[in-house]
PDB file of N, CA and C in Angstrom:
ATOM      1  N   MET A   1       0.752  -1.342   0.063  1.00  0.00           N
ATOM      2  CA  MET A   1       0.234  -0.271   0.087  1.00  0.00           C
ATOM      3  C   MET A   1       0.764   1.657  -0.004  1.00  0.00           C
ATOM      4  N   ALA A   2       1.319   1.140   0.639  1.00  0.00           N
ATOM      5  CA  ALA A   2       3.255   2.346   0.552  1.00  0.00           C
ATOM      6  C   ALA A   2       3.330   2.850  -0.639  1.00  0.00           C
ATOM      7  N   LYS A   3       4.061   1.819  -1.690  1.00  0.00           N
ATOM      8  CA  LYS A   3       4.455   1.849  -2.894  1.00  0.00           C
ATOM      9  C   LYS A   3       2.594   2.427  -3.822  1.00  0.00           C
ATOM     10  N   LEU A   4       1.924   2.013  -3.578  1.00  0.00           N
ATOM     11  CA  LEU A   4       1.048   3.290  -4.354  1.00  0.00           C
ATOM     12  C   LEU A   4       0.818   4.599  -3.929  1.00  0.00           C
ATOM     13  N   PHE A   5       0.831   4.404  -2.687  1.00  0.00           N
ATOM     14  CA  PHE A   5       0.356   5.666  -1.947  1.00  0.00           C
ATOM     15  C   PHE A   5       1.734   7.018  -2.595  1.00  0.00           C
ATOM     16  N   LEU A   6       2.732   6.477  -2.200  1.00  0.00           N
ATOM     17  CA  LEU A   6       4.158   6.813  -3.245  1.00  0.00           C
ATOM     18  C   LEU A   6       4.128   7.265  -4.318  1.00  0.00           C
ATOM     19  N   LEU A   7       3.638   6.449  -5.596  1.00  0.00           N
ATOM     20  CA  LEU A   7       3.064   6.326  -6.836  1.00  0.00           C
ATOM     21  C   LEU A   7       2.579   7.580  -7.110  1.00  0.00           C
ATOM     22  N   ALA A   8       1.357   7.886  -6.637  1.00  0.00           N
ATOM     23  CA  ALA A   8      -0.484   8.532  -6.497  1.00  0.00           C
ATOM     24  C   ALA A   8       0.050   9.681  -6.185  1.00  0.00           C
ATOM     25  N   GLY A   9       0.970   9.769  -5.063  1.00  0.00           N
ATOM     26  CA  GLY A   9       1.552  11.116  -4.629  1.00  0.00           C
ATOM     27  C   GLY A   9       2.534  11.761  -5.692  1.00  0.00           C
ATOM     28  N   SER A  10       3.129  11.102  -6.109  1.00  0.00           N
ATOM     29  CA  SER A  10       4.465  11.540  -6.588  1.00  0.00           C
ATOM     30  C   SER A  10       3.802  12.335  -8.318  1.00  0.00           C
ATOM     31  N   LEU A  11       2.942  11.333  -8.999  1.00  0.00           N
ATOM     32  CA  LEU A  11       2.042  11.557  -9.605  1.00  0.00           C
ATOM     33  C   LEU A  11       0.796  12.734  -9.956  1.00  0.00           C
ATOM     34  N   PHE A  12       0.548  12.838  -8.349  1.00  0.00           N
ATOM     35  CA  PHE A  12      -0.307  14.148  -8.279  1.00  0.00           C
ATOM     36  C   PHE A  12       0.407  15.632  -8.327  1.00  0.00           C
ATOM     37  N   CYS A  13       1.170  15.150  -7.857  1.00  0.00           N
ATOM     38  CA  CYS A  13       2.239  16.562  -7.449  1.00  0.00           C
ATOM     39  C   CYS A  13       2.880  16.691  -8.526  1.00  0.00           C
ATOM     40  N   MET A  14       3.220  16.060  -9.789  1.00  0.00           N
ATOM     41  CA  MET A  14       3.456  16.490 -11.043  1.00  0.00           C
ATOM     42  C   MET A  14       2.755  16.774 -11.990  1.00  0.00           C
ATOM     43  N   LEU A  15       1.319  16.398 -11.767  1.00  0.00           N
ATOM     44  CA  LEU A  15       0.383  16.969 -12.342  1.00  0.00           C
ATOM     45  C   LEU A  15       0.101  18.193 -12.057  1.00  0.00           C
ATOM     46  N   SER A  16      -0.108  18.653 -10.866  1.00  0.00           N
ATOM     47  CA  SER A  16       0.210  19.851 -10.035  1.00  0.00           C
ATOM     48  C   SER A  16       0.978  20.806 -10.882  1.00  0.00           C
ATOM     49  N   VAL A  17       1.989  20.808 -11.092  1.00  0.00           N
ATOM     50  CA  VAL A  17       2.846  21.587 -11.380  1.00  0.00           C
ATOM     51  C   VAL A  17       2.264  22.136 -12.920  1.00  0.00           C
ATOM     52  N   ALA A  18       2.234  20.878 -13.621  1.00  0.00           N
ATOM     53  CA  ALA A  18       1.846  21.080 -15.112  1.00  0.00           C
ATOM     54  C   ALA A  18       0.398  21.713 -15.375  1.00  0.00           C
ATOM     55  N   LEU A  19      -0.524  21.355 -14.700  1.00  0.00           N
ATOM     56  CA  LEU A  19      -1.632  22.306 -14.482  1.00  0.00           C
ATOM     57  C   LEU A  19      -2.035  23.844 -14.304  1.00  0.00           C
ATOM     58  N   GLY A  20      -0.860  23.228 -13.191  1.00  0.00           N
ATOM     59  CA  GLY A  20      -0.360  24.953 -12.852  1.00  0.00           C
ATOM     60  C   GLY A  20       0.250  25.584 -13.764  1.00  0.00           C
ATOM     61  N   ALA A  21       1.217  25.643 -14.309  1.00  0.00           N
ATOM     62  CA  ALA A  21       1.963  26.062 -15.068  1.00  0.00           C
ATOM     63  C   ALA A  21       0.683  26.357 -16.501  1.00  0.00           C
ATOM     64  N   PHE A  22       0.212  25.430 -17.136  1.00  0.00           N
ATOM     65  CA  PHE A  22      -1.023  25.317 -17.953  1.00  0.00           C
ATOM     66  C   PHE A  22      -2.027  26.717 -17.391  1.00  0.00           C
ATOM     67  N   ALA A  23      -2.150  26.482 -16.295  1.00  0.00           N
ATOM     68  CA  ALA A  23      -3.163  27.770 -15.844  1.00  0.00           C
ATOM     69  C   ALA A  23      -2.729  29.130 -16.432  1.00  0.00           C
ATOM     70  N   ALA A  24      -1.541  29.417 -15.639  1.00  0.00           N
ATOM     71  CA  ALA A  24      -1.070  30.647 -15.433  1.00  0.00           C
ATOM     72  C   ALA A  24      -0.266  31.217 -16.823  1.00  0.00           C
ATOM     73  N   HIS A  25      -0.320  30.072 -17.693  1.00  0.00           N
ATOM     74  CA  HIS A  25       0.125  30.206 -19.239  1.00  0.00           C
ATOM     75  C   HIS A  25      -0.324  29.915 -20.506  1.00  0.00           C
ATOM     76  N   GLY A  26      -1.355  28.726 -20.007  1.00  0.00           N
ATOM     77  CA  GLY A  26      -2.335  28.867 -21.415  1.00  0.00           C
ATOM     78  C   GLY A  26      -3.592  28.909 -21.370  1.00  0.00           C
ATOM     79  N   LEU A  27      -4.007  28.460 -20.193  1.00  0.00           N
ATOM     80  CA  LEU A  27      -5.270  29.069 -20.235  1.00  0.00           C
ATOM     81  C   LEU A  27      -6.119  30.591 -19.534  1.00  0.00           C
ATOM     82  N   LYS A  28      -5.402  31.630 -19.339  1.00  0.00           N
ATOM     83  CA  LYS A  28      -6.082  32.694 -18.933  1.00  0.00           C
ATOM     84  C   LYS A  28      -6.551  33.202 -20.299  1.00  0.00           C
ATOM     85  N   HIS A  29      -5.867  32.952 -21.246  1.00  0.00           N
ATOM     86  CA  HIS A  29      -6.240  33.392 -22.350  1.00  0.00           C
ATOM     87  C   HIS A  29      -7.670  33.263 -23.082  1.00  0.00           C
ATOM     88  N   HIS A  30      -7.972  32.112 -22.475  1.00  0.00           N
ATOM     89  CA  HIS A  30      -9.253  31.258 -23.080  1.00  0.00           C
ATOM     90  C   HIS A  30     -10.489  31.197 -22.204  1.00  0.00           C
ATOM     91  N   VAL A  31     -10.227  31.536 -20.704  1.00  0.00           N
ATOM     92  CA  VAL A  31     -11.712  31.426 -19.752  1.00  0.00           C
ATOM     93  C   VAL A  31     -11.291  33.022 -18.697  1.00  0.00           C
ATOM     94  N   SER A  32     -12.206  33.012 -17.705  1.00  0.00           N
ATOM     95  CA  SER A  32     -11.905  33.816 -17.290  1.00  0.00           C
ATOM     96  C   SER A  32     -11.026  34.286 -16.130  1.00  0.00           C
ATOM     97  N   ASP A  33     -10.877  35.174 -15.529  1.00  0.00           N
ATOM     98  CA  ASP A  33      -9.813  35.560 -14.043  1.00  0.00           C
ATOM     99  C   ASP A  33     -10.197  34.458 -13.112  1.00  0.00           C
ATOM    100  N   TYR A  34     -11.718  34.493 -12.891  1.00  0.00           N
ATOM    101  CA  TYR A  34     -12.378  33.518 -12.003  1.00  0.00           C
ATOM    102  C   TYR A  34     -12.074  32.289 -11.843  1.00  0.00           C
ATOM    103  N   ALA A  35     -12.704  31.821 -13.322  1.00  0.00           N
ATOM    104  CA  ALA A  35     -12.244  30.624 -13.730  1.00  0.00           C
ATOM    105  C   ALA A  35     -10.532  30.300 -13.763  1.00  0.00           C
ATOM    106  N   VAL A  36      -9.799  30.774 -13.308  1.00  0.00           N
ATOM    107  CA  VAL A  36      -8.198  30.982 -13.249  1.00  0.00           C
ATOM    108  C   VAL A  36      -8.081  30.408 -12.120  1.00  0.00           C
ATOM    109  N   ASP A  37      -8.745  31.425 -11.365  1.00  0.00           N
ATOM    110  CA  ASP A  37      -8.254  30.717  -9.968  1.00  0.00           C
ATOM    111  C   ASP A  37      -8.679  30.030  -9.615  1.00  0.00           C
ATOM    112  N   ILE A  38      -9.906  29.846  -9.830  1.00  0.00           N
ATOM    113  CA  ILE A  38     -10.588  28.272  -9.265  1.00  0.00           C
ATOM    114  C   ILE A  38      -9.707  26.921  -9.752  1.00  0.00           C
ATOM    115  N   PHE A  39      -9.255  27.345 -11.267  1.00  0.00           N
ATOM    116  CA  PHE A  39      -8.105  26.108 -11.466  1.00  0.00           C
ATOM    117  C   PHE A  39      -6.737  26.088 -10.954  1.00  0.00           C
ATOM    118  N   LYS A  40      -6.504  26.898 -10.602  1.00  0.00           N
ATOM    119  CA  LYS A  40      -5.326  27.057  -9.364  1.00  0.00           C
ATOM    120  C   LYS A  40      -5.186  26.882  -8.204  1.00  0.00           C
ATOM    121  N   THR A  41      -6.735  26.810  -7.642  1.00  0.00           N
ATOM    122  CA  THR A  41      -6.675  26.466  -6.053  1.00  0.00           C
ATOM    123  C   THR A  41      -7.395  24.975  -6.598  1.00  0.00           C
ATOM    124  N   ALA A  42      -7.520  24.249  -7.641  1.00  0.00           N
ATOM    125  CA  ALA A  42      -7.490  22.464  -7.667  1.00  0.00           C
ATOM    126  C   ALA A  42      -6.366  22.204  -7.510  1.00  0.00           C
ATOM    127  N   ALA A  43      -4.827  23.230  -8.132  1.00  0.00           N
ATOM    128  CA  ALA A  43      -4.249  22.620  -8.538  1.00  0.00           C
ATOM    129  C   ALA A  43      -3.023  22.373  -7.124  1.00  0.00           C
ATOM    130  N   HIS A  44      -3.512  24.009  -6.360  1.00  0.00           N
ATOM    131  CA  HIS A  44      -2.908  23.741  -4.811  1.00  0.00           C
ATOM    132  C   HIS A  44      -3.095  22.651  -4.335  1.00  0.00           C
ATOM    133  N   TYR A  45      -4.359  22.387  -4.098  1.00  0.00           N
ATOM    134  CA  TYR A  45      -4.550  21.412  -2.995  1.00  0.00           C
ATOM    135  C   TYR A  45      -4.254  20.393  -3.562  1.00  0.00           C
ATOM    136  N   GLN A  46      -4.673  19.937  -4.863  1.00  0.00           N
ATOM    137  CA  GLN A  46      -3.702  18.826  -5.489  1.00  0.00           C
ATOM    138  C   GLN A  46      -1.966  18.677  -5.321  1.00  0.00           C
ATOM    139  N   MET A  47      -1.832  19.615  -5.069  1.00  0.00           N
ATOM    140  CA  MET A  47      -0.367  19.901  -4.564  1.00  0.00           C
ATOM    141  C   MET A  47       0.113  19.093  -3.036  1.00  0.00           C
ATOM    142  N   THR A  48      -0.896  19.802  -2.024  1.00  0.00           N
ATOM    143  CA  THR A  48      -0.725  19.660  -0.969  1.00  0.00           C
ATOM    144  C   THR A  48      -0.853  18.509  -0.524  1.00  0.00           C
ATOM    145  N   HIS A  49      -2.071  18.148  -1.131  1.00  0.00           N
ATOM    146  CA  HIS A  49      -2.394  16.739  -0.855  1.00  0.00           C
ATOM    147  C   HIS A  49      -1.543  15.507  -1.643  1.00  0.00           C
ATOM    148  N   GLY A  50      -1.415  15.711  -2.495  1.00  0.00           N
ATOM    149  CA  GLY A  50       0.094  14.577  -3.103  1.00  0.00           C
ATOM    150  C   GLY A  50       1.081  14.798  -2.514  1.00  0.00           C
ATOM    151  N   LEU A  51       1.246  15.573  -1.550  1.00  0.00           N
ATOM    152  CA  LEU A  51       2.900  15.811  -0.567  1.00  0.00           C
ATOM    153  C   LEU A  51       1.761  14.950   0.447  1.00  0.00           C
ATOM    154  N   ALA A  52       0.717  15.312   1.383  1.00  0.00           N
ATOM    155  CA  ALA A  52       0.538  14.439   2.438  1.00  0.00           C
ATOM    156  C   ALA A  52       0.498  13.274   1.992  1.00  0.00           C
ATOM    157  N   LEU A  53      -0.409  12.396   0.243  1.00  0.00           N
ATOM    158  CA  LEU A  53       0.281  11.048   0.117  1.00  0.00           C
ATOM    159  C   LEU A  53       1.341  10.588   0.659  1.00  0.00           C
ATOM    160  N   ILE A  54       2.443  11.583  -0.053  1.00  0.00           N
ATOM    161  CA  ILE A  54       3.908  11.125  -0.204  1.00  0.00           C
ATOM    162  C   ILE A  54       4.084  10.665   2.024  1.00  0.00           C
ATOM    163  N   ALA A  55       3.814  11.486   2.259  1.00  0.00           N
ATOM    164  CA  ALA A  55       3.958  11.198   3.816  1.00  0.00           C
ATOM    165  C   ALA A  55       3.587  10.206   4.087  1.00  0.00           C
ATOM    166  N   VAL A  56       2.074   9.695   4.171  1.00  0.00           N
ATOM    167  CA  VAL A  56       1.384   8.370   4.531  1.00  0.00           C
ATOM    168  C   VAL A  56       2.044   7.613   4.304  1.00  0.00           C
ATOM    169  N   ALA A  57       2.490   7.522   2.744  1.00  0.00           N
ATOM    170  CA  ALA A  57       3.183   6.259   2.448  1.00  0.00           C
ATOM    171  C   ALA A  57       4.651   6.436   3.014  1.00  0.00           C
ATOM    172  N   LEU A  58       5.285   7.397   3.763  1.00  0.00           N
ATOM    173  CA  LEU A  58       6.487   7.118   4.495  1.00  0.00           C
ATOM    174  C   LEU A  58       5.889   6.357   5.515  1.00  0.00           C
ATOM    175  N   LEU A  59       4.935   7.180   6.271  1.00  0.00           N
ATOM    176  CA  LEU A  59       4.638   6.882   7.793  1.00  0.00           C
ATOM    177  C   LEU A  59       3.894   5.442   7.884  1.00  0.00           C
ATOM    178  N   ILE A  60       3.630   4.360   6.789  1.00  0.00           N
ATOM    179  CA  ILE A  60       3.017   3.406   6.630  1.00  0.00           C
ATOM    180  C   ILE A  60       4.299   2.742   6.644  1.00  0.00           C
ATOM    181  N   LYS A  61       5.499   2.661   6.122  1.00  0.00           N
ATOM    182  CA  LYS A  61       6.428   2.069   6.044  1.00  0.00           C
ATOM    183  C   LYS A  61       7.018   1.994   7.572  1.00  0.00           C
ATOM    184  N   TRP A  62       6.719   3.482   7.972  1.00  0.00           N
ATOM    185  CA  TRP A  62       7.316   3.138   9.537  1.00  0.00           C
ATOM    186  C   TRP A  62       6.473   2.366  10.626  1.00  0.00           C
ATOM    187  N   GLY A  63       5.090   1.860  10.010  1.00  0.00           N
ATOM    188  CA  GLY A  63       4.202   1.105  10.838  1.00  0.00           C
ATOM    189  C   GLY A  63       2.646   1.644  11.232  1.00  0.00           C
ATOM    190  N   MET A  64       2.667   2.692  10.778  1.00  0.00           N
ATOM    191  CA  MET A  64       1.619   3.653  10.670  1.00  0.00           C
ATOM    192  C   MET A  64       0.328   2.762   9.900  1.00  0.00           C
ATOM    193  N   GLN A  65      -0.465   2.860  10.527  1.00  0.00           N
ATOM    194  CA  GLN A  65      -2.012   2.236   9.786  1.00  0.00           C
ATOM    195  C   GLN A  65      -2.665   3.342   9.286  1.00  0.00           C
ATOM    196  N   LEU A  66      -2.184   3.589   7.962  1.00  0.00           N
ATOM    197  CA  LEU A  66      -3.059   5.067   7.074  1.00  0.00           C
ATOM    198  C   LEU A  66      -3.180   4.359   6.230  1.00  0.00           C
ATOM    199  N   LYS A  67      -3.976   2.916   5.784  1.00  0.00           N
ATOM    200  CA  LYS A  67      -4.458   2.863   4.414  1.00  0.00           C
ATOM    201  C   LYS A  67      -5.649   3.846   4.403  1.00  0.00           C
ATOM    202  N   TRP A  68      -6.399   3.840   5.460  1.00  0.00           N
ATOM    203  CA  TRP A  68      -7.617   4.445   4.896  1.00  0.00           C
ATOM    204  C   TRP A  68      -7.587   6.390   4.470  1.00  0.00           C
ATOM    205  N   ALA A  69      -6.416   6.902   5.236  1.00  0.00           N
ATOM    206  CA  ALA A  69      -6.154   8.522   5.246  1.00  0.00           C
ATOM    207  C   ALA A  69      -5.548   8.499   4.120  1.00  0.00           C
ATOM    208  N   GLY A  70      -4.770   7.455   3.352  1.00  0.00           N
ATOM    209  CA  GLY A  70      -4.666   7.505   2.145  1.00  0.00           C
ATOM    210  C   GLY A  70      -5.431   7.053   0.929  1.00  0.00           C
ATOM    211  N   HIS A  71      -6.741   6.712   0.970  1.00  0.00           N
ATOM    212  CA  HIS A  71      -7.534   6.572   0.164  1.00  0.00           C
ATOM    213  C   HIS A  71      -8.304   7.872   0.342  1.00  0.00           C
ATOM    214  N   ALA A  72      -8.647   8.956   1.108  1.00  0.00           N
ATOM    215  CA  ALA A  72      -9.430   9.662   1.605  1.00  0.00           C
ATOM    216  C   ALA A  72      -8.663  10.697   1.042  1.00  0.00           C
ATOM    217  N   PHE A  73      -7.583  10.998   0.892  1.00  0.00           N
ATOM    218  CA  PHE A  73      -6.671  11.503   0.551  1.00  0.00           C
ATOM    219  C   PHE A  73      -6.572  12.158  -1.277  1.00  0.00           C
ATOM    220  N   ILE A  74      -6.480  10.328  -1.518  1.00  0.00           N
ATOM    221  CA  ILE A  74      -7.110  10.184  -3.496  1.00  0.00           C
ATOM    222  C   ILE A  74      -8.498  10.775  -3.952  1.00  0.00           C
ATOM    223  N   MET A  75      -9.301  10.477  -3.061  1.00  0.00           N
ATOM    224  CA  MET A  75     -10.488  10.576  -3.765  1.00  0.00           C
ATOM    225  C   MET A  75     -11.220  12.158  -3.161  1.00  0.00           C
ATOM    226  N   GLY A  76     -10.548  12.675  -2.201  1.00  0.00           N
ATOM    227  CA  GLY A  76     -10.614  14.001  -2.201  1.00  0.00           C
ATOM    228  C   GLY A  76     -10.240  14.597  -3.736  1.00  0.00           C
ATOM    229  N   ILE A  77      -9.097  14.598  -3.536  1.00  0.00           N
ATOM    230  CA  ILE A  77      -8.160  14.996  -5.095  1.00  0.00           C
ATOM    231  C   ILE A  77      -8.908  14.381  -6.325  1.00  0.00           C
ATOM    232  N   LEU A  78      -9.235  13.491  -6.549  1.00  0.00           N
ATOM    233  CA  LEU A  78      -9.812  13.289  -7.477  1.00  0.00           C
ATOM    234  C   LEU A  78     -11.381  14.076  -7.357  1.00  0.00           C
ATOM    235  N   LEU A  79     -12.223  14.050  -6.128  1.00  0.00           N
ATOM    236  CA  LEU A  79     -13.628  14.900  -6.166  1.00  0.00           C
ATOM    237  C   LEU A  79     -13.305  16.263  -6.093  1.00  0.00           C
ATOM    238  N   PHE A  80     -12.486  16.711  -5.290  1.00  0.00           N
ATOM    239  CA  PHE A  80     -12.138  18.084  -5.274  1.00  0.00           C
ATOM    240  C   PHE A  80     -11.524  18.932  -6.082  1.00  0.00           C
ATOM    241  N   SER A  81     -10.366  17.928  -6.609  1.00  0.00           N
ATOM    242  CA  SER A  81      -9.427  19.266  -7.399  1.00  0.00           C
ATOM    243  C   SER A  81     -10.182  18.901  -8.782  1.00  0.00           C
ATOM    244  N   GLY A  82     -10.322  17.529  -8.944  1.00  0.00           N
ATOM    245  CA  GLY A  82     -10.623  16.821 -10.176  1.00  0.00           C
ATOM    246  C   GLY A  82     -12.542  18.120 -10.632  1.00  0.00           C
ATOM    247  N   SER A  83     -12.854  18.705  -9.711  1.00  0.00           N
ATOM    248  CA  SER A  83     -14.717  19.460 -10.520  1.00  0.00           C
ATOM    249  C   SER A  83     -14.037  20.022  -9.928  1.00  0.00           C
ATOM    250  N   LEU A  84     -13.420  20.875  -9.430  1.00  0.00           N
ATOM    251  CA  LEU A  84     -12.925  22.302 -10.070  1.00  0.00           C
ATOM    252  C   LEU A  84     -12.234  22.326 -10.801  1.00  0.00           C
ATOM    253  N   TYR A  85     -11.421  21.254 -11.764  1.00  0.00           N
ATOM    254  CA  TYR A  85     -10.386  21.590 -12.931  1.00  0.00           C
ATOM    255  C   TYR A  85     -11.985  22.072 -14.039  1.00  0.00           C
ATOM    256  N   LEU A  86     -12.904  20.890 -13.856  1.00  0.00           N
ATOM    257  CA  LEU A  86     -13.827  20.499 -15.101  1.00  0.00           C
ATOM    258  C   LEU A  86     -14.428  22.003 -14.896  1.00  0.00           C
ATOM    259  N   LEU A  87     -14.898  22.739 -13.705  1.00  0.00           N
ATOM    260  CA  LEU A  87     -15.924  23.897 -13.358  1.00  0.00           C
ATOM    261  C   LEU A  87     -15.163  24.752 -14.129  1.00  0.00           C
ATOM    262  N   ALA A  88     -14.030  24.884 -14.277  1.00  0.00           N
ATOM    263  CA  ALA A  88     -13.169  26.024 -14.666  1.00  0.00           C
ATOM    264  C   ALA A  88     -13.202  25.998 -16.283  1.00  0.00           C
ATOM    265  N   LEU A  89     -13.037  24.863 -16.720  1.00  0.00           N
ATOM    266  CA  LEU A  89     -13.024  24.425 -17.986  1.00  0.00           C
ATOM    267  C   LEU A  89     -14.505  24.610 -18.928  1.00  0.00           C
ATOM    268  N   THR A  90     -15.378  23.973 -17.921  1.00  0.00           N
ATOM    269  CA  THR A  90     -16.615  23.947 -18.713  1.00  0.00           C
ATOM    270  C   THR A  90     -17.452  25.356 -18.478  1.00  0.00           C
ATOM    271  N   GLY A  91     -17.548  25.742 -16.849  1.00  0.00           N
ATOM    272  CA  GLY A  91     -18.711  25.763 -16.380  1.00  0.00           C
ATOM    273  C   GLY A  91     -19.700  25.597 -16.205  1.00  0.00           C
ATOM    274  N   ALA A  92     -19.652  24.458 -16.219  1.00  0.00           N
ATOM    275  CA  ALA A  92     -20.901  23.263 -15.513  1.00  0.00           C
ATOM    276  C   ALA A  92     -21.284  23.185 -14.327  1.00  0.00           C
ATOM    277  N   LYS A  93     -21.875  24.379 -14.099  1.00  0.00           N
ATOM    278  CA  LYS A  93     -22.378  24.157 -12.142  1.00  0.00           C
ATOM    279  C   LYS A  93     -23.048  23.297 -11.444  1.00  0.00           C
ATOM    280  N   TRP A  94     -23.615  22.159 -12.044  1.00  0.00           N
ATOM    281  CA  TRP A  94     -23.214  21.010 -11.560  1.00  0.00           C
ATOM    282  C   TRP A  94     -22.301  20.116 -10.761  1.00  0.00           C
ATOM    283  N   LEU A  95     -21.765  21.063 -11.109  1.00  0.00           N
ATOM    284  CA  LEU A  95     -19.996  19.878 -10.635  1.00  0.00           C
ATOM    285  C   LEU A  95     -20.381  20.980  -9.316  1.00  0.00           C
ATOM    286  N   GLY A  96     -20.774  21.904  -8.661  1.00  0.00           N
ATOM    287  CA  GLY A  96     -20.533  22.468  -8.163  1.00  0.00           C
ATOM    288  C   GLY A  96     -20.346  21.697  -6.627  1.00  0.00           C
ATOM    289  N   PRO A  97     -21.621  20.902  -6.248  1.00  0.00           N
ATOM    290  CA  PRO A  97     -21.816  20.265  -5.186  1.00  0.00           C
ATOM    291  C   PRO A  97     -20.710  18.954  -4.893  1.00  0.00           C
ATOM    292  N   ILE A  98     -20.159  18.428  -5.798  1.00  0.00           N
ATOM    293  CA  ILE A  98     -18.930  17.774  -5.720  1.00  0.00           C
ATOM    294  C   ILE A  98     -17.748  18.479  -5.201  1.00  0.00           C
ATOM    295  N   THR A  99     -17.909  19.464  -5.288  1.00  0.00           N
ATOM    296  CA  THR A  99     -16.134  19.831  -4.692  1.00  0.00           C
ATOM    297  C   THR A  99     -16.564  19.432  -2.887  1.00  0.00           C
ATOM    298  N   PRO A 100     -17.680  20.021  -2.287  1.00  0.00           N
ATOM    299  CA  PRO A 100     -17.628  20.038  -1.043  1.00  0.00           C
ATOM    300  C   PRO A 100     -17.587  18.128  -0.331  1.00  0.00           C
ATOM    301  N   ILE A 101     -17.902  17.488  -1.428  1.00  0.00           N
ATOM    302  CA  ILE A 101     -17.608  16.138  -0.767  1.00  0.00           C
ATOM    303  C   ILE A 101     -15.808  15.634  -0.767  1.00  0.00           C
ATOM    304  N   GLY A 102     -15.220  16.054  -2.023  1.00  0.00           N
ATOM    305  CA  GLY A 102     -13.836  16.031  -2.309  1.00  0.00           C
ATOM    306  C   GLY A 102     -13.317  16.712  -0.790  1.00  0.00           C
ATOM    307  N   GLY A 103     -14.290  18.250  -0.365  1.00  0.00           N
ATOM    308  CA  GLY A 103     -13.161  18.438   1.013  1.00  0.00           C
ATOM    309  C   GLY A 103     -13.662  17.683   2.446  1.00  0.00           C
ATOM    310  N   VAL A 104     -14.493  17.317   2.254  1.00  0.00           N
ATOM    311  CA  VAL A 104     -14.989  16.189   3.090  1.00  0.00           C
ATOM    312  C   VAL A 104     -13.778  14.980   3.461  1.00  0.00           C
ATOM    313  N   CYS A 105     -13.835  14.745   1.928  1.00  0.00           N
ATOM    314  CA  CYS A 105     -12.629  13.123   2.365  1.00  0.00           C
ATOM    315  C   CYS A 105     -11.343  14.219   2.359  1.00  0.00           C
ATOM    316  N   PHE A 106     -10.703  15.245   2.416  1.00  0.00           N
ATOM    317  CA  PHE A 106      -9.589  16.055   2.969  1.00  0.00           C
ATOM    318  C   PHE A 106      -9.688  15.484   3.833  1.00  0.00           C
ATOM    319  N   ILE A 107     -10.810  16.417   4.632  1.00  0.00           N
ATOM    320  CA  ILE A 107     -10.633  16.669   6.060  1.00  0.00           C
ATOM    321  C   ILE A 107     -10.324  15.134   7.027  1.00  0.00           C
ATOM    322  N   ILE A 108     -11.535  13.708   6.094  1.00  0.00           N
ATOM    323  CA  ILE A 108     -11.393  12.647   6.776  1.00  0.00           C
ATOM    324  C   ILE A 108     -10.088  12.304   6.925  1.00  0.00           C
ATOM    325  N   GLY A 109      -9.432  12.605   5.855  1.00  0.00           N
ATOM    326  CA  GLY A 109      -7.863  11.711   5.362  1.00  0.00           C
ATOM    327  C   GLY A 109      -7.355  12.520   6.839  1.00  0.00           C
ATOM    328  N   TRP A 110      -6.976  13.586   7.121  1.00  0.00           N
ATOM    329  CA  TRP A 110      -6.663  14.587   7.974  1.00  0.00           C
ATOM    330  C   TRP A 110      -6.765  14.014   9.637  1.00  0.00           C
ATOM    331  N   LEU A 111      -8.230  13.998   9.662  1.00  0.00           N
ATOM    332  CA  LEU A 111      -8.815  13.057  10.943  1.00  0.00           C
ATOM    333  C   LEU A 111      -8.237  11.572  11.196  1.00  0.00           C
ATOM    334  N   ILE A 112      -8.220  11.129  10.221  1.00  0.00           N
ATOM    335  CA  ILE A 112      -7.612   9.747  10.121  1.00  0.00           C
ATOM    336  C   ILE A 112      -5.516  10.256  10.823  1.00  0.00           C
ATOM    337  N   LEU A 113      -5.351  10.670  10.119  1.00  0.00           N
ATOM    338  CA  LEU A 113      -4.110  10.821  10.519  1.00  0.00           C
ATOM    339  C   LEU A 113      -3.341  11.504  12.284  1.00  0.00           C
ATOM    340  N   ILE A 114      -4.385  12.360  12.565  1.00  0.00           N
ATOM    341  CA  ILE A 114      -4.177  13.244  13.593  1.00  0.00           C
ATOM    342  C   ILE A 114      -4.717  11.986  14.574  1.00  0.00           C
ATOM    343  N   VAL A 115      -5.610  11.278  14.481  1.00  0.00           N
ATOM    344  CA  VAL A 115      -5.871   9.767  15.127  1.00  0.00           C
ATOM    345  C   VAL A 115      -5.099   8.691  15.429  1.00  0.00           C
ATOM    346  N   LYS A 116      -4.525   8.642  14.404  1.00  0.00           N
ATOM    347  CA  LYS A 116      -3.389   7.936  14.248  1.00  0.00           C
ATOM    348  C   LYS A 116      -1.935   8.030  15.067  1.00  0.00           C
ATOM    349  N   ALA A 117      -1.641   9.354  14.702  1.00  0.00           N
ATOM    350  CA  ALA A 117      -0.557   9.891  15.277  1.00  0.00           C
ATOM    351  C   ALA A 117      -0.370  10.263  16.679  1.00  0.00           C
ATOM    352  N   ALA A 118      -1.708  10.391  17.011  1.00  0.00           N
ATOM    353  CA  ALA A 118      -1.822  10.489  18.878  1.00  0.00           C
ATOM    354  C   ALA A 118      -1.682   8.891  18.982  1.00  0.00           C
ATOM    355  N   ARG A 119      -1.820   8.311  18.884  1.00  0.00           N
ATOM    356  CA  ARG A 119      -2.618   7.017  19.864  1.00  0.00           C
ATOM    357  C   ARG A 119      -0.890   5.963  19.579  1.00  0.00           C
ATOM    358  N   GLN A 120       0.088   6.903  18.261  1.00  0.00           N
ATOM    359  CA  GLN A 120       0.790   6.122  18.078  1.00  0.00           C
ATOM    360  C   GLN A 120       2.603   6.579  19.299  1.00  0.00           C
ATOM    361  N   PRO A 121       3.307   5.147  19.560  1.00  0.00           N
ATOM    362  CA  PRO A 121       4.515   5.488  20.108  1.00  0.00           C
ATOM    363  C   PRO A 121       5.517   6.158  19.286  1.00  0.00           C
ATOM    364  N   LEU A 122       6.247   7.581  19.878  1.00  0.00           N
ATOM    365  CA  LEU A 122       6.772   8.409  19.347  1.00  0.00           C
ATOM    366  C   LEU A 122       8.557   7.629  19.536  1.00  0.00           C
TER     367      LEU A 122
END
């Protein structure tokens, strides 16, 4: 499981750099400033939680049971960032309700990490 989270985190981080560059250089000529900001927010949260996945992978290797935190972060990236990318590119307002579900996944991932860390003898 650690390898999956390490690879997924690295992939999400790499893609967030590419997508952030796309927003800064290519997207701004095709959509509103508001849509560019939405896209940049998606890339920021993707990077943050990609790094969290890498941390989860390392902590799993140290013996912490964080499988569900890793899965929550992956789902959060897909739902939160994914819905924001699509919203920025398409303007489809029906995607709006999906974004908070991804945010809840992020919160669940962090909550699991907090609880497991609190119980872990260091």
